[in-house]
Amino acid sequence: MKYRILLEKIDEQDFPKGWFYAYIPTLGLTTHGKGIQGAINAAKDLASLWIEEKIRDFGANSSGFEFWKNDKENLYQDYL
């Protein structure tokens, strides 16, 4: 599964020029980065951490989690 990343140039005085917000609407996550590629990379990192946390939470509450835990790398590829 892939998620869209919406980018918005930051025009606030508190940020140096060239920074962008990166919003992942499906996950309700927002981050920022320097330049378009920096914002995209930050969004991918944030989504990976969010997914890992959800996997960990799911594993703590489910005995059938071993399949996902053993194939975590492929699961990340599906999400990013």
PDB file of N, CA and C in Angstrom:
ATOM      1  N   MET A   1       0.842  -1.177   0.000  1.00  0.00           N
ATOM      2  CA  MET A   1       0.000   0.000   0.000  1.00  0.00           C
ATOM      3  C   MET A   1       0.889   1.241   0.000  1.00  0.00           C
ATOM      4  N   LYS A   2       0.478   2.225  -0.728  1.00  0.00           N
ATOM      5  CA  LYS A   2       1.234   3.479  -0.784  1.00  0.00           C
ATOM      6  C   LYS A   2       0.343   4.610  -0.283  1.00  0.00           C
ATOM      7  N   TYR A   3       0.979   5.611   0.300  1.00  0.00           N
ATOM      8  CA  TYR A   3       0.259   6.778   0.811  1.00  0.00           C
ATOM      9  C   TYR A   3       0.690   8.022   0.057  1.00  0.00           C
ATOM     10  N   ARG A   4      -0.252   8.914  -0.141  1.00  0.00           N
ATOM     11  CA  ARG A   4       0.064  10.212  -0.741  1.00  0.00           C
ATOM     12  C   ARG A   4       0.703  11.121   0.297  1.00  0.00           C
ATOM     13  N   ILE A   5       1.622  11.929  -0.195  1.00  0.00           N
ATOM     14  CA  ILE A   5       2.253  12.946   0.642  1.00  0.00           C
ATOM     15  C   ILE A   5       1.933  14.296   0.003  1.00  0.00           C
ATOM     16  N   LEU A   6       1.246  15.142   0.742  1.00  0.00           N
ATOM     17  CA  LEU A   6       0.936  16.490   0.267  1.00  0.00           C
ATOM     18  C   LEU A   6       2.006  17.443   0.784  1.00  0.00           C
ATOM     19  N   LEU A   7       2.531  18.258  -0.103  1.00  0.00           N
ATOM     20  CA  LEU A   7       3.582  19.203   0.260  1.00  0.00           C
ATOM     21  C   LEU A   7       3.060  20.634   0.206  1.00  0.00           C
ATOM     22  N   GLU A   8       3.516  21.437   1.148  1.00  0.00           N
ATOM     23  CA  GLU A   8       3.147  22.856   1.179  1.00  0.00           C
ATOM     24  C   GLU A   8       4.367  23.661   1.595  1.00  0.00           C
ATOM     25  N   LYS A   9       4.705  24.646   0.797  1.00  0.00           N
ATOM     26  CA  LYS A   9       5.835  25.512   1.120  1.00  0.00           C
ATOM     27  C   LYS A   9       5.521  26.280   2.400  1.00  0.00           C
ATOM     28  N   ILE A  10       6.490  26.351   3.293  1.00  0.00           N
ATOM     29  CA  ILE A  10       6.303  27.067   4.555  1.00  0.00           C
ATOM     30  C   ILE A  10       6.702  28.517   4.347  1.00  0.00           C
ATOM     31  N   ASP A  11       5.746  29.415   4.579  1.00  0.00           N
ATOM     32  CA  ASP A  11       5.995  30.845   4.412  1.00  0.00           C
ATOM     33  C   ASP A  11       5.905  31.577   5.747  1.00  0.00           C
ATOM     34  N   GLU A  12       6.311  30.919   6.815  1.00  0.00           N
ATOM     35  CA  GLU A  12       6.272  31.523   8.141  1.00  0.00           C
ATOM     36  C   GLU A  12       7.639  32.137   8.460  1.00  0.00           C
ATOM     37  N   GLN A  13       7.636  33.215   9.193  1.00  0.00           N
ATOM     38  CA  GLN A  13       8.881  33.897   9.518  1.00  0.00           C
ATOM     39  C   GLN A  13       9.782  33.066  10.430  1.00  0.00           C
ATOM     40  N   ASP A  14       9.209  32.116  11.163  1.00  0.00           N
ATOM     41  CA  ASP A  14       9.996  31.295  12.083  1.00  0.00           C
ATOM     42  C   ASP A  14      10.850  30.251  11.360  1.00  0.00           C
ATOM     43  N   PHE A  15      10.541  29.989  10.096  1.00  0.00           N
ATOM     44  CA  PHE A  15      11.277  28.984   9.319  1.00  0.00           C
ATOM     45  C   PHE A  15      12.172  29.664   8.303  1.00  0.00           C
ATOM     46  N   PRO A  16      13.352  29.120   8.086  1.00  0.00           N
ATOM     47  CA  PRO A  16      14.196  29.632   6.999  1.00  0.00           C
ATOM     48  C   PRO A  16      13.532  29.342   5.651  1.00  0.00           C
ATOM     49  N   LYS A  17      13.930  30.044   4.640  1.00  0.00           N
ATOM     50  CA  LYS A  17      13.356  29.831   3.308  1.00  0.00           C
ATOM     51  C   LYS A  17      13.721  28.449   2.795  1.00  0.00           C
ATOM     52  N   GLY A  18      12.826  27.892   1.991  1.00  0.00           N
ATOM     53  CA  GLY A  18      13.079  26.608   1.357  1.00  0.00           C
ATOM     54  C   GLY A  18      12.580  25.397   2.125  1.00  0.00           C
ATOM     55  N   TRP A  19      11.830  25.591   3.191  1.00  0.00           N
ATOM     56  CA  TRP A  19      11.293  24.477   3.964  1.00  0.00           C
ATOM     57  C   TRP A  19       9.861  24.193   3.527  1.00  0.00           C
ATOM     58  N   PHE A  20       9.461  22.904   3.637  1.00  0.00           N
ATOM     59  CA  PHE A  20       8.132  22.467   3.221  1.00  0.00           C
ATOM     60  C   PHE A  20       7.502  21.589   4.299  1.00  0.00           C
ATOM     61  N   TYR A  21       6.164  21.756   4.461  1.00  0.00           N
ATOM     62  CA  TYR A  21       5.398  20.810   5.254  1.00  0.00           C
ATOM     63  C   TYR A  21       5.133  19.584   4.397  1.00  0.00           C
ATOM     64  N   ALA A  22       5.112  18.416   5.016  1.00  0.00           N
ATOM     65  CA  ALA A  22       4.726  17.172   4.345  1.00  0.00           C
ATOM     66  C   ALA A  22       3.612  16.546   5.179  1.00  0.00           C
ATOM     67  N   TYR A  23       2.451  16.372   4.563  1.00  0.00           N
ATOM     68  CA  TYR A  23       1.269  15.869   5.249  1.00  0.00           C
ATOM     69  C   TYR A  23       0.850  14.551   4.625  1.00  0.00           C
ATOM     70  N   ILE A  24       0.631  13.548   5.463  1.00  0.00           N
ATOM     71  CA  ILE A  24       0.140  12.241   5.010  1.00  0.00           C
ATOM     72  C   ILE A  24      -1.298  12.125   5.512  1.00  0.00           C
ATOM     73  N   PRO A  25      -2.269  12.507   4.681  1.00  0.00           N
ATOM     74  CA  PRO A  25      -3.662  12.579   5.131  1.00  0.00           C
ATOM     75  C   PRO A  25      -4.220  11.256   5.645  1.00  0.00           C
ATOM     76  N   THR A  26      -3.893  10.159   4.988  1.00  0.00           N
ATOM     77  CA  THR A  26      -4.442   8.866   5.374  1.00  0.00           C
ATOM     78  C   THR A  26      -4.049   8.492   6.797  1.00  0.00           C
ATOM     79  N   LEU A  27      -2.855   8.865   7.203  1.00  0.00           N
ATOM     80  CA  LEU A  27      -2.370   8.536   8.546  1.00  0.00           C
ATOM     81  C   LEU A  27      -2.549   9.682   9.527  1.00  0.00           C
ATOM     82  N   GLY A  28      -2.896  10.862   9.023  1.00  0.00           N
ATOM     83  CA  GLY A  28      -3.055  12.031   9.881  1.00  0.00           C
ATOM     84  C   GLY A  28      -1.730  12.521  10.452  1.00  0.00           C
ATOM     85  N   LEU A  29      -0.654  12.379   9.670  1.00  0.00           N
ATOM     86  CA  LEU A  29       0.682  12.760  10.131  1.00  0.00           C
ATOM     87  C   LEU A  29       1.190  13.979   9.363  1.00  0.00           C
ATOM     88  N   THR A  30       1.913  14.840  10.054  1.00  0.00           N
ATOM     89  CA  THR A  30       2.523  16.012   9.440  1.00  0.00           C
ATOM     90  C   THR A  30       3.947  16.156   9.951  1.00  0.00           C
ATOM     91  N   THR A  31       4.847  16.520   9.045  1.00  0.00           N
ATOM     92  CA  THR A  31       6.231  16.796   9.398  1.00  0.00           C
ATOM     93  C   THR A  31       6.736  17.890   8.473  1.00  0.00           C
ATOM     94  N   HIS A  32       8.012  18.159   8.474  1.00  0.00           N
ATOM     95  CA  HIS A  32       8.569  19.166   7.577  1.00  0.00           C
ATOM     96  C   HIS A  32      10.010  18.806   7.245  1.00  0.00           C
ATOM     97  N   GLY A  33      10.518  19.425   6.184  1.00  0.00           N
ATOM     98  CA  GLY A  33      11.886  19.179   5.791  1.00  0.00           C
ATOM     99  C   GLY A  33      12.393  20.293   4.894  1.00  0.00           C
ATOM    100  N   LYS A  34      13.715  20.356   4.760  1.00  0.00           N
ATOM    101  CA  LYS A  34      14.320  21.374   3.915  1.00  0.00           C
ATOM    102  C   LYS A  34      14.244  20.923   2.462  1.00  0.00           C
ATOM    103  N   GLY A  35      13.588  21.709   1.653  1.00  0.00           N
ATOM    104  CA  GLY A  35      13.396  21.362   0.253  1.00  0.00           C
ATOM    105  C   GLY A  35      12.326  20.294   0.086  1.00  0.00           C
ATOM    106  N   ILE A  36      11.925  20.095  -1.151  1.00  0.00           N
ATOM    107  CA  ILE A  36      10.881  19.104  -1.428  1.00  0.00           C
ATOM    108  C   ILE A  36      11.360  17.707  -1.052  1.00  0.00           C
ATOM    109  N   GLN A  37      12.559  17.347  -1.468  1.00  0.00           N
ATOM    110  CA  GLN A  37      13.058  15.998  -1.169  1.00  0.00           C
ATOM    111  C   GLN A  37      13.250  15.791   0.328  1.00  0.00           C
ATOM    112  N   GLY A  38      13.686  16.821   1.026  1.00  0.00           N
ATOM    113  CA  GLY A  38      13.836  16.719   2.477  1.00  0.00           C
ATOM    114  C   GLY A  38      12.508  16.474   3.168  1.00  0.00           C
ATOM    115  N   ALA A  39      11.456  17.138   2.694  1.00  0.00           N
ATOM    116  CA  ALA A  39      10.126  16.946   3.272  1.00  0.00           C
ATOM    117  C   ALA A  39       9.598  15.551   2.965  1.00  0.00           C
ATOM    118  N   ILE A  40       9.832  15.067   1.750  1.00  0.00           N
ATOM    119  CA  ILE A  40       9.401  13.713   1.379  1.00  0.00           C
ATOM    120  C   ILE A  40      10.138  12.684   2.235  1.00  0.00           C
ATOM    121  N   ASN A  41      11.441  12.853   2.388  1.00  0.00           N
ATOM    122  CA  ASN A  41      12.214  11.918   3.216  1.00  0.00           C
ATOM    123  C   ASN A  41      11.735  11.924   4.665  1.00  0.00           C
ATOM    124  N   ALA A  42      11.446  13.112   5.186  1.00  0.00           N
ATOM    125  CA  ALA A  42      10.950  13.210   6.562  1.00  0.00           C
ATOM    126  C   ALA A  42       9.602  12.509   6.702  1.00  0.00           C
ATOM    127  N   ALA A  43       8.740  12.645   5.692  1.00  0.00           N
ATOM    128  CA  ALA A  43       7.430  11.990   5.729  1.00  0.00           C
ATOM    129  C   ALA A  43       7.587  10.470   5.681  1.00  0.00           C
ATOM    130  N   LYS A  44       8.493   9.974   4.850  1.00  0.00           N
ATOM    131  CA  LYS A  44       8.730   8.528   4.779  1.00  0.00           C
ATOM    132  C   LYS A  44       9.268   8.002   6.102  1.00  0.00           C
ATOM    133  N   ASP A  45      10.195   8.733   6.710  1.00  0.00           N
ATOM    134  CA  ASP A  45      10.736   8.323   8.008  1.00  0.00           C
ATOM    135  C   ASP A  45       9.649   8.296   9.073  1.00  0.00           C
ATOM    136  N   LEU A  46       8.829   9.335   9.094  1.00  0.00           N
ATOM    137  CA  LEU A  46       7.754   9.418  10.073  1.00  0.00           C
ATOM    138  C   LEU A  46       6.754   8.285   9.870  1.00  0.00           C
ATOM    139  N   ALA A  47       6.372   8.008   8.627  1.00  0.00           N
ATOM    140  CA  ALA A  47       5.428   6.925   8.349  1.00  0.00           C
ATOM    141  C   ALA A  47       6.012   5.583   8.770  1.00  0.00           C
ATOM    142  N   SER A  48       7.293   5.361   8.510  1.00  0.00           N
ATOM    143  CA  SER A  48       7.945   4.110   8.916  1.00  0.00           C
ATOM    144  C   SER A  48       7.898   3.927  10.427  1.00  0.00           C
ATOM    145  N   LEU A  49       8.212   4.987  11.152  1.00  0.00           N
ATOM    146  CA  LEU A  49       8.167   4.917  12.616  1.00  0.00           C
ATOM    147  C   LEU A  49       6.754   4.674  13.120  1.00  0.00           C
ATOM    148  N   TRP A  50       5.776   5.328  12.496  1.00  0.00           N
ATOM    149  CA  TRP A  50       4.379   5.167  12.891  1.00  0.00           C
ATOM    150  C   TRP A  50       3.923   3.732  12.656  1.00  0.00           C
ATOM    151  N   ILE A  51       4.274   3.179  11.481  1.00  0.00           N
ATOM    152  CA  ILE A  51       3.899   1.809  11.147  1.00  0.00           C
ATOM    153  C   ILE A  51       4.569   0.828  12.109  1.00  0.00           C
ATOM    154  N   GLU A  52       5.851   1.049  12.390  1.00  0.00           N
ATOM    155  CA  GLU A  52       6.562   0.171  13.324  1.00  0.00           C
ATOM    156  C   GLU A  52       5.901   0.181  14.692  1.00  0.00           C
ATOM    157  N   GLU A  53       5.487   1.351  15.153  1.00  0.00           N
ATOM    158  CA  GLU A  53       4.807   1.451  16.446  1.00  0.00           C
ATOM    159  C   GLU A  53       3.482   0.693  16.421  1.00  0.00           C
ATOM    160  N   LYS A  54       2.729   0.820  15.334  1.00  0.00           N
ATOM    161  CA  LYS A  54       1.452   0.114  15.226  1.00  0.00           C
ATOM    162  C   LYS A  54       1.671  -1.396  15.189  1.00  0.00           C
ATOM    163  N   ILE A  55       2.716  -1.835  14.493  1.00  0.00           N
ATOM    164  CA  ILE A  55       3.042  -3.261  14.444  1.00  0.00           C
ATOM    165  C   ILE A  55       3.384  -3.757  15.846  1.00  0.00           C
ATOM    166  N   ARG A  56       4.193  -2.981  16.568  1.00  0.00           N
ATOM    167  CA  ARG A  56       4.576  -3.342  17.930  1.00  0.00           C
ATOM    168  C   ARG A  56       3.348  -3.418  18.831  1.00  0.00           C
ATOM    169  N   ASP A  57       2.457  -2.421  18.708  1.00  0.00           N
ATOM    170  CA  ASP A  57       1.231  -2.417  19.508  1.00  0.00           C
ATOM    171  C   ASP A  57       0.363  -3.620  19.166  1.00  0.00           C
ATOM    172  N   PHE A  58       0.252  -3.921  17.895  1.00  0.00           N
ATOM    173  CA  PHE A  58      -0.548  -5.056  17.456  1.00  0.00           C
ATOM    174  C   PHE A  58       0.050  -6.352  17.993  1.00  0.00           C
ATOM    175  N   GLY A  59       1.364  -6.480  17.945  1.00  0.00           N
ATOM    176  CA  GLY A  59       2.040  -7.682  18.419  1.00  0.00           C
ATOM    177  C   GLY A  59       1.876  -7.892  19.909  1.00  0.00           C
ATOM    178  N   ALA A  60       1.815  -6.823  20.662  1.00  0.00           N
ATOM    179  CA  ALA A  60       1.643  -6.933  22.103  1.00  0.00           C
ATOM    180  C   ALA A  60       0.251  -7.424  22.462  1.00  0.00           C
ATOM    181  N   ASN A  61      -0.691  -7.274  21.524  1.00  0.00           N
ATOM    182  CA  ASN A  61      -2.075  -7.630  21.797  1.00  0.00           C
ATOM    183  C   ASN A  61      -2.566  -8.817  20.978  1.00  0.00           C
ATOM    184  N   SER A  62      -1.670  -9.522  20.300  1.00  0.00           N
ATOM    185  CA  SER A  62      -2.109 -10.604  19.422  1.00  0.00           C
ATOM    186  C   SER A  62      -1.094 -11.736  19.404  1.00  0.00           C
ATOM    187  N   SER A  63      -1.573 -12.951  19.537  1.00  0.00           N
ATOM    188  CA  SER A  63      -0.677 -14.107  19.479  1.00  0.00           C
ATOM    189  C   SER A  63      -0.373 -14.506  18.042  1.00  0.00           C
ATOM    190  N   GLY A  64      -1.133 -14.020  17.063  1.00  0.00           N
ATOM    191  CA  GLY A  64      -0.916 -14.359  15.667  1.00  0.00           C
ATOM    192  C   GLY A  64      -0.046 -13.359  14.940  1.00  0.00           C
ATOM    193  N   PHE A  65       0.807 -12.678  15.662  1.00  0.00           N
ATOM    194  CA  PHE A  65       1.599 -11.594  15.098  1.00  0.00           C
ATOM    195  C   PHE A  65       2.901 -12.061  14.465  1.00  0.00           C
ATOM    196  N   GLU A  66       3.346 -13.271  14.722  1.00  0.00           N
ATOM    197  CA  GLU A  66       4.669 -13.711  14.274  1.00  0.00           C
ATOM    198  C   GLU A  66       4.862 -13.572  12.769  1.00  0.00           C
ATOM    199  N   PHE A  67       3.837 -13.829  11.972  1.00  0.00           N
ATOM    200  CA  PHE A  67       3.965 -13.696  10.520  1.00  0.00           C
ATOM    201  C   PHE A  67       4.401 -12.296  10.142  1.00  0.00           C
ATOM    202  N   TRP A  68       3.749 -11.275  10.682  1.00  0.00           N
ATOM    203  CA  TRP A  68       4.070  -9.887  10.341  1.00  0.00           C
ATOM    204  C   TRP A  68       5.435  -9.495  10.872  1.00  0.00           C
ATOM    205  N   LYS A  69       5.755  -9.941  12.064  1.00  0.00           N
ATOM    206  CA  LYS A  69       7.030  -9.587  12.669  1.00  0.00           C
ATOM    207  C   LYS A  69       8.192 -10.146  11.838  1.00  0.00           C
ATOM    208  N   ASN A  70       8.040 -11.345  11.332  1.00  0.00           N
ATOM    209  CA  ASN A  70       9.103 -11.973  10.553  1.00  0.00           C
ATOM    210  C   ASN A  70       9.235 -11.369   9.166  1.00  0.00           C
ATOM    211  N   ASP A  71       8.198 -10.719   8.665  1.00  0.00           N
ATOM    212  CA  ASP A  71       8.216 -10.167   7.314  1.00  0.00           C
ATOM    213  C   ASP A  71       8.112  -8.642   7.352  1.00  0.00           C
ATOM    214  N   LYS A  72       8.657  -8.027   8.394  1.00  0.00           N
ATOM    215  CA  LYS A  72       8.518  -6.580   8.617  1.00  0.00           C
ATOM    216  C   LYS A  72       9.086  -5.764   7.460  1.00  0.00           C
ATOM    217  N   GLU A  73      10.206  -6.182   6.894  1.00  0.00           N
ATOM    218  CA  GLU A  73      10.819  -5.410   5.806  1.00  0.00           C
ATOM    219  C   GLU A  73       9.887  -5.320   4.604  1.00  0.00           C
ATOM    220  N   ASN A  74       9.259  -6.423   4.246  1.00  0.00           N
ATOM    221  CA  ASN A  74       8.319  -6.405   3.126  1.00  0.00           C
ATOM    222  C   ASN A  74       7.084  -5.581   3.458  1.00  0.00           C
ATOM    223  N   LEU A  75       6.666  -5.600   4.700  1.00  0.00           N
ATOM    224  CA  LEU A  75       5.515  -4.802   5.103  1.00  0.00           C
ATOM    225  C   LEU A  75       5.805  -3.321   4.906  1.00  0.00           C
ATOM    226  N   TYR A  76       7.012  -2.860   5.267  1.00  0.00           N
ATOM    227  CA  TYR A  76       7.374  -1.466   5.069  1.00  0.00           C
ATOM    228  C   TYR A  76       7.314  -1.107   3.601  1.00  0.00           C
ATOM    229  N   GLN A  77       7.792  -1.991   2.740  1.00  0.00           N
ATOM    230  CA  GLN A  77       7.785  -1.706   1.304  1.00  0.00           C
ATOM    231  C   GLN A  77       6.366  -1.503   0.805  1.00  0.00           C
ATOM    232  N   ASP A  78       5.411  -2.241   1.351  1.00  0.00           N
ATOM    233  CA  ASP A  78       4.018  -2.076   0.941  1.00  0.00           C
ATOM    234  C   ASP A  78       3.475  -0.718   1.332  1.00  0.00           C
ATOM    235  N   TYR A  79       3.954  -0.161   2.448  1.00  0.00           N
ATOM    236  CA  TYR A  79       3.394   1.092   2.938  1.00  0.00           C
ATOM    237  C   TYR A  79       4.071   2.321   2.380  1.00  0.00           C
ATOM    238  N   LEU A  80       5.299   2.215   1.894  1.00  0.00           N
ATOM    239  CA  LEU A  80       6.005   3.416   1.456  1.00  0.00           C
ATOM    240  C   LEU A  80       6.243   3.421  -0.032  1.00  0.00           C
TER     241      LEU A  80
END
